[in-house]
Amino acid sequence: MERPWESVLTLSVVHFMAFPECMGGTGPIAETLTKIALDDFFGAAEITWIKDPKERARVREIAEQSRLKLGYGAQPTLLTQRLSLNDLDPDGRRRAIDQIKACIDEAAELGCQRVAFLAGPDPGDADRERALDLLADSVIELCRYGQDKGIALTLETFDRDVEKKSLIGPSELAAQFAERIRADFPDFGLMYDLSHLPLLNEDASQALSLLKDHLVHIHVGNCVKIPGREAYGDQHPRFGFPGGENDVPELAAFLKALFDVGYLKPDASGEKPWVGFEVKPVAGESSELILANTKRAWRQAWAQL
């Protein structure tokens, strides 16, 4: 495609995956974010919890000085603490809700507009409907809380039976759930990830067609479906990783599907849609080289459109 992507979308990178040493809310967060901010290939970075208030202030300053937009992903706060917004135990669910409220506070402090999260594990057929009701109750409470802070909520879909084994989950169910929440909170939306598409055994065109009315964010990356292989599961290895599912052809096909369903166009306010790189180095790999790989894959895929 001759049209530059900068005129179509906001290209972001998931900071805490590219630099996983920062995933726990500590580590060289400002230092590594500066590497992204210095690279004008990216228009935005997606960060997660930052435990040190001084570090949060540095991050906001970096973003403001460099004209880098910030998004907020709360997924690590739930996963690392094994918290679930659809926990059948009331105390466990309350801890998850309180954690996301704290993330909403951080996101507002950092100048973000959305907080992304995931559903908890699927409890199985017998308790699935109850879990969906509990998840809806949690999300409605969080949407109401976020509304007062100027923060909208984004639910990312994950695999059902490989690694995360998340309640949401398959795209058909995700669309139904989004309709339920958006009846009262129309700024609620869904995130879909190319990395999760093979793990969900879904087809890009079909899945995106189901989700198109609810999509507010996209991730692109890779995964390994072969048990026993390095980076098996939802580990987001680089494009072209040995045994991986996604490389330039799959990325190009996914981008074409995003155009086909109308995701890659400005919203009513003129805001360009976000597409984020979510890639993580495996042991022995360099974050900087992985990002270089991803940028080359992106350029090659865009040229095929």
Protein backbone atom coordinates (compact mmCIF):
# COMPACT_ATOMS: atom_id res chain seq x y z
CA MET A 1 0.00 0.00 0.00
CA GLU A 2 1.35 3.39 -1.00
CA ARG A 3 -0.58 5.20 1.73
CA PRO A 4 1.59 5.50 4.87
CA TRP A 5 0.30 3.70 7.93
CA GLU A 6 0.75 6.86 9.98
CA SER A 7 -2.21 8.33 8.08
CA VAL A 8 -4.38 5.30 8.84
CA LEU A 9 -3.63 4.15 12.38
CA THR A 10 -1.72 4.72 15.59
CA LEU A 11 1.03 2.12 15.77
CA SER A 12 1.92 1.13 19.32
CA VAL A 13 4.14 -1.35 21.08
CA VAL A 14 3.35 -3.25 24.27
CA HIS A 15 6.23 -2.01 26.41
CA PHE A 16 5.93 -4.63 29.15
CA MET A 17 6.15 -7.49 26.65
CA ALA A 18 9.03 -6.06 24.64
CA PHE A 19 10.79 -5.45 27.96
CA PRO A 20 9.37 -8.20 30.21
CA GLU A 21 11.65 -7.24 33.10
CA CYS A 22 9.15 -4.40 33.66
CA MET A 23 6.04 -6.59 33.77
CA GLY A 24 5.90 -6.74 37.56
CA GLY A 25 5.58 -2.98 37.96
CA THR A 26 9.27 -2.47 38.77
CA GLY A 27 12.54 -2.49 36.84
CA PRO A 28 13.99 -0.05 34.29
CA ILE A 29 10.60 1.23 33.15
CA ALA A 30 11.51 4.82 32.29
CA GLU A 31 14.84 3.75 30.79
CA THR A 32 13.30 1.20 28.44
CA LEU A 33 10.31 3.38 27.57
CA THR A 34 12.79 6.04 26.48
CA LYS A 35 14.12 3.61 23.85
CA ILE A 36 10.62 3.39 22.38
CA ALA A 37 10.02 7.13 22.67
CA LEU A 38 13.23 7.87 20.74
CA ASP A 39 12.01 5.74 17.81
CA ASP A 40 9.47 7.71 15.79
CA PHE A 41 8.32 4.49 14.09
CA PHE A 42 5.96 4.19 17.06
CA GLY A 43 3.17 6.62 17.83
CA ALA A 44 2.26 5.04 21.16
CA ALA A 45 3.37 2.65 23.88
CA GLU A 46 1.22 0.41 26.06
CA ILE A 47 2.37 0.29 29.66
CA THR A 48 1.20 -1.54 32.76
CA TRP A 49 1.33 -0.90 36.51
CA ILE A 50 4.20 1.20 37.80
CA LYS A 51 4.57 0.83 41.55
CA ASP A 52 6.86 3.82 42.15
CA PRO A 53 5.02 7.18 41.92
CA LYS A 54 8.26 8.91 40.93
CA GLU A 55 8.72 6.45 38.08
CA ARG A 56 5.16 7.13 36.94
CA ALA A 57 5.93 10.84 36.86
CA ARG A 58 9.04 10.15 34.76
CA VAL A 59 7.03 8.02 32.35
CA ARG A 60 4.44 10.75 31.84
CA GLU A 61 7.21 13.29 31.28
CA ILE A 62 8.88 11.04 28.68
CA ALA A 63 5.59 10.63 26.84
CA GLU A 64 4.80 14.35 26.89
CA GLN A 65 8.26 15.41 25.70
CA SER A 66 8.33 12.89 22.85
CA ARG A 67 4.66 13.19 21.71
CA LEU A 68 4.23 9.50 22.51
CA LYS A 69 0.68 8.42 23.32
CA LEU A 70 0.21 6.01 26.21
CA GLY A 71 -2.17 3.08 26.58
CA TYR A 72 -2.59 0.98 29.72
CA GLY A 73 -2.72 -2.80 29.95
CA ALA A 74 -3.80 -4.20 33.32
CA GLN A 75 -3.46 -7.83 32.23
CA PRO A 76 -0.15 -8.41 34.09
CA THR A 77 -1.65 -7.20 37.37
CA LEU A 78 -4.31 -9.90 37.18
CA LEU A 79 -2.15 -12.69 35.78
CA THR A 80 0.83 -12.30 38.10
CA GLN A 81 -1.41 -12.20 41.17
CA ARG A 82 -3.81 -14.88 39.89
CA LEU A 83 -6.78 -12.56 40.20
CA SER A 84 -10.03 -13.14 38.34
CA LEU A 85 -12.90 -10.75 37.68
CA ASN A 86 -15.20 -13.77 37.40
CA ASP A 87 -13.91 -15.53 40.50
CA LEU A 88 -16.71 -17.59 42.05
CA ASP A 89 -15.29 -16.65 45.45
CA PRO A 90 -16.60 -13.17 46.40
CA ASP A 91 -13.41 -12.16 48.21
CA GLY A 92 -11.25 -13.15 45.26
CA ARG A 93 -13.45 -11.25 42.82
CA ARG A 94 -13.37 -8.17 45.05
CA ARG A 95 -9.56 -8.23 45.09
CA ALA A 96 -9.56 -8.34 41.29
CA ILE A 97 -12.00 -5.43 41.06
CA ASP A 98 -9.96 -3.37 43.51
CA GLN A 99 -6.80 -4.06 41.52
CA ILE A 100 -8.35 -2.83 38.28
CA LYS A 101 -9.66 0.26 40.06
CA ALA A 102 -6.09 0.98 41.14
CA CYS A 103 -5.01 0.54 37.51
CA ILE A 104 -7.71 2.97 36.38
CA ASP A 105 -6.33 5.51 38.87
CA GLU A 106 -2.81 5.01 37.49
CA ALA A 107 -4.01 5.27 33.90
CA ALA A 108 -5.73 8.57 34.64
CA GLU A 109 -2.58 9.85 36.34
CA LEU A 110 -0.53 8.92 33.26
CA GLY A 111 -2.90 10.54 30.78
CA CYS A 112 -4.23 7.31 29.25
CA GLN A 113 -7.76 7.02 27.85
CA ARG A 114 -8.35 3.27 28.20
CA VAL A 115 -7.48 0.36 30.47
CA ALA A 116 -7.31 -3.13 28.96
CA PHE A 117 -7.88 -6.30 30.98
CA LEU A 118 -8.84 -9.94 30.56
CA ALA A 119 -11.45 -12.28 31.94
CA GLY A 120 -10.46 -14.92 34.45
CA PRO A 121 -10.27 -18.66 33.79
CA ASP A 122 -13.26 -20.49 32.34
CA PRO A 123 -14.76 -22.60 35.16
CA GLY A 124 -16.26 -25.19 32.82
CA ASP A 125 -19.74 -25.88 31.52
CA ALA A 126 -21.48 -26.18 34.88
CA ASP A 127 -20.48 -22.74 36.17
CA ARG A 128 -19.90 -20.81 32.93
CA GLU A 129 -23.16 -18.84 32.96
CA ARG A 130 -22.67 -17.88 36.58
CA ALA A 131 -19.10 -16.79 35.80
CA LEU A 132 -20.34 -14.67 32.89
CA ASP A 133 -22.84 -12.95 35.18
CA LEU A 134 -20.12 -12.28 37.74
CA LEU A 135 -17.80 -10.94 35.05
CA ALA A 136 -20.56 -8.64 33.81
CA ASP A 137 -21.16 -7.36 37.34
CA SER A 138 -17.43 -6.69 37.74
CA VAL A 139 -17.10 -4.94 34.40
CA ILE A 140 -20.17 -2.77 34.95
CA GLU A 141 -18.77 -1.63 38.31
CA LEU A 142 -15.42 -0.88 36.68
CA CYS A 143 -16.97 0.96 33.74
CA ARG A 144 -18.89 3.14 36.17
CA TYR A 145 -15.71 3.80 38.15
CA GLY A 146 -13.73 4.55 35.00
CA GLN A 147 -16.41 6.87 33.69
CA ASP A 148 -15.81 9.20 36.63
CA LYS A 149 -12.08 9.24 35.79
CA GLY A 150 -12.42 9.65 32.02
CA ILE A 151 -11.19 6.08 31.44
CA ALA A 152 -12.93 3.54 29.18
CA LEU A 153 -12.52 -0.24 29.57
CA THR A 154 -11.25 -2.72 26.98
CA LEU A 155 -11.63 -6.49 27.32
CA GLU A 156 -9.00 -8.54 25.49
CA THR A 157 -9.97 -12.01 24.29
CA PHE A 158 -7.67 -14.95 25.08
CA ASP A 159 -7.44 -18.67 24.39
CA ARG A 160 -9.95 -21.03 25.96
CA ASP A 161 -7.96 -24.29 26.16
CA VAL A 162 -4.21 -23.73 25.69
CA GLU A 163 -2.59 -21.48 28.32
CA LYS A 164 -4.77 -18.69 29.71
CA LYS A 165 -7.93 -20.83 29.34
CA SER A 166 -9.94 -17.66 29.67
CA LEU A 167 -13.69 -17.36 29.98
CA ILE A 168 -13.55 -14.88 27.08
CA GLY A 169 -12.62 -16.53 25.00
CA PRO A 170 -14.20 -17.35 21.65
CA SER A 171 -15.20 -14.42 19.46
CA GLU A 172 -18.89 -15.29 19.29
CA LEU A 173 -19.16 -15.23 23.09
CA ALA A 174 -17.02 -12.07 23.27
CA ALA A 175 -19.39 -10.26 20.90
CA GLN A 176 -22.41 -11.31 22.95
CA PHE A 177 -20.74 -10.14 26.15
CA ALA A 178 -19.77 -6.80 24.61
CA GLU A 179 -23.35 -6.18 23.51
CA ARG A 180 -24.47 -6.80 27.07
CA ILE A 181 -22.05 -4.25 28.54
CA ARG A 182 -22.34 -1.65 25.78
CA ALA A 183 -26.08 -1.37 26.36
CA ASP A 184 -25.18 0.82 29.35
CA PHE A 185 -21.56 1.75 28.58
CA PRO A 186 -21.15 2.32 24.83
CA ASP A 187 -17.46 3.24 25.20
CA PHE A 188 -16.67 -0.31 26.42
CA GLY A 189 -14.95 -2.36 23.74
CA LEU A 190 -12.98 -5.44 22.79
CA MET A 191 -9.38 -6.09 21.84
CA TYR A 192 -8.42 -8.87 19.43
CA ASP A 193 -4.89 -10.21 19.03
CA LEU A 194 -3.43 -11.91 15.96
CA SER A 195 -1.29 -13.93 18.38
CA HIS A 196 -4.43 -15.44 19.92
CA LEU A 197 -6.19 -16.22 16.64
CA PRO A 198 -4.42 -19.58 16.08
CA LEU A 199 -4.82 -20.49 19.76
CA LEU A 200 -8.58 -19.93 19.43
CA ASN A 201 -8.63 -21.91 16.16
CA GLU A 202 -10.41 -18.99 14.52
CA ASP A 203 -10.36 -17.50 11.04
CA ALA A 204 -9.40 -13.83 10.88
CA SER A 205 -12.18 -12.71 8.56
CA GLN A 206 -14.88 -14.60 10.45
CA ALA A 207 -13.68 -13.54 13.90
CA LEU A 208 -13.27 -9.88 12.97
CA SER A 209 -16.67 -9.85 11.27
CA LEU A 210 -18.23 -11.06 14.52
CA LEU A 211 -16.37 -8.46 16.58
CA LYS A 212 -16.30 -5.48 14.21
CA ASP A 213 -18.97 -3.44 16.00
CA HIS A 214 -17.15 -3.76 19.32
CA LEU A 215 -13.45 -3.54 18.38
CA VAL A 216 -11.50 -0.69 19.95
CA HIS A 217 -7.96 -2.10 19.91
CA ILE A 218 -5.85 -4.62 17.99
CA HIS A 219 -2.63 -6.45 18.81
CA VAL A 220 -0.40 -8.28 16.34
CA GLY A 221 2.20 -10.91 17.13
CA ASN A 222 3.01 -14.60 16.94
CA CYS A 223 2.42 -17.82 18.88
CA VAL A 224 3.50 -21.46 18.92
CA LYS A 225 0.78 -24.15 18.91
CA ILE A 226 2.98 -27.25 18.97
CA PRO A 227 3.23 -28.65 22.53
CA GLY A 228 6.79 -29.11 23.71
CA ARG A 229 8.25 -26.51 21.36
CA GLU A 230 10.01 -23.43 22.69
CA ALA A 231 7.59 -20.55 23.37
CA TYR A 232 4.58 -22.89 23.24
CA GLY A 233 1.29 -21.22 24.11
CA ASP A 234 0.60 -17.53 24.59
CA GLN A 235 4.23 -16.36 24.77
CA HIS A 236 4.31 -13.87 21.87
CA PRO A 237 7.60 -14.81 20.18
CA ARG A 238 8.90 -12.73 17.28
CA PHE A 239 7.46 -13.01 13.79
CA GLY A 240 9.02 -15.92 11.94
CA PHE A 241 9.96 -17.75 15.15
CA PRO A 242 10.70 -21.47 14.50
CA GLY A 243 7.48 -23.44 14.83
CA GLY A 244 5.43 -20.25 15.07
CA GLU A 245 2.08 -19.61 13.41
CA ASN A 246 2.47 -16.03 12.16
CA ASP A 247 4.89 -14.28 9.86
CA VAL A 248 4.62 -11.63 7.16
CA PRO A 249 1.90 -13.40 5.07
CA GLU A 250 -0.35 -13.90 8.09
CA LEU A 251 0.22 -10.33 9.26
CA ALA A 252 -0.64 -8.98 5.81
CA ALA A 253 -3.79 -11.11 5.63
CA PHE A 254 -4.85 -9.92 9.09
CA LEU A 255 -4.34 -6.28 8.15
CA LYS A 256 -6.39 -6.81 5.00
CA ALA A 257 -9.18 -8.31 7.11
CA LEU A 258 -9.05 -5.27 9.42
CA PHE A 259 -9.54 -3.03 6.39
CA ASP A 260 -12.36 -5.25 5.12
CA VAL A 261 -14.39 -5.02 8.35
CA GLY A 262 -13.87 -1.26 8.61
CA TYR A 263 -11.65 -1.20 11.69
CA LEU A 264 -8.88 0.79 10.03
CA LYS A 265 -10.70 4.08 9.71
CA PRO A 266 -11.04 7.05 12.09
CA ASP A 267 -13.84 6.93 14.65
CA ALA A 268 -16.57 9.56 14.98
CA SER A 269 -14.20 11.88 16.83
CA GLY A 270 -11.49 11.54 14.18
CA GLU A 271 -9.26 9.41 16.44
CA LYS A 272 -7.22 6.89 14.46
CA PRO A 273 -7.54 3.22 15.49
CA TRP A 274 -4.71 1.60 17.42
CA VAL A 275 -2.73 -1.44 16.31
CA GLY A 276 -0.09 -2.62 18.76
CA PHE A 277 2.94 -4.89 18.43
CA GLU A 278 2.94 -7.50 21.18
CA VAL A 279 6.20 -9.44 20.97
CA LYS A 280 8.47 -10.80 23.68
CA PRO A 281 12.06 -12.06 23.52
CA VAL A 282 12.68 -15.67 24.48
CA ALA A 283 15.69 -16.56 26.61
CA GLY A 284 18.89 -15.29 25.01
CA GLU A 285 17.15 -12.84 22.68
CA SER A 286 17.42 -9.06 22.69
CA SER A 287 14.42 -6.78 23.15
CA GLU A 288 15.88 -4.28 20.70
CA LEU A 289 16.47 -6.93 18.02
CA ILE A 290 12.96 -8.32 18.48
CA LEU A 291 11.52 -4.87 17.92
CA ALA A 292 13.68 -4.46 14.81
CA ASN A 293 12.34 -7.81 13.54
CA THR A 294 8.77 -6.65 14.12
CA LYS A 295 9.27 -3.34 12.33
CA ARG A 296 10.70 -5.13 9.29
CA ALA A 297 7.81 -7.61 9.28
CA TRP A 298 5.35 -4.72 9.50
CA ARG A 299 6.92 -2.85 6.57
CA GLN A 300 6.89 -5.99 4.43
CA ALA A 301 3.27 -6.79 5.33
CA TRP A 302 2.10 -3.23 4.68
CA ALA A 303 3.77 -3.30 1.27
CA GLN A 304 1.63 -6.33 0.36
CA LEU A 305 -1.67 -4.52 0.95
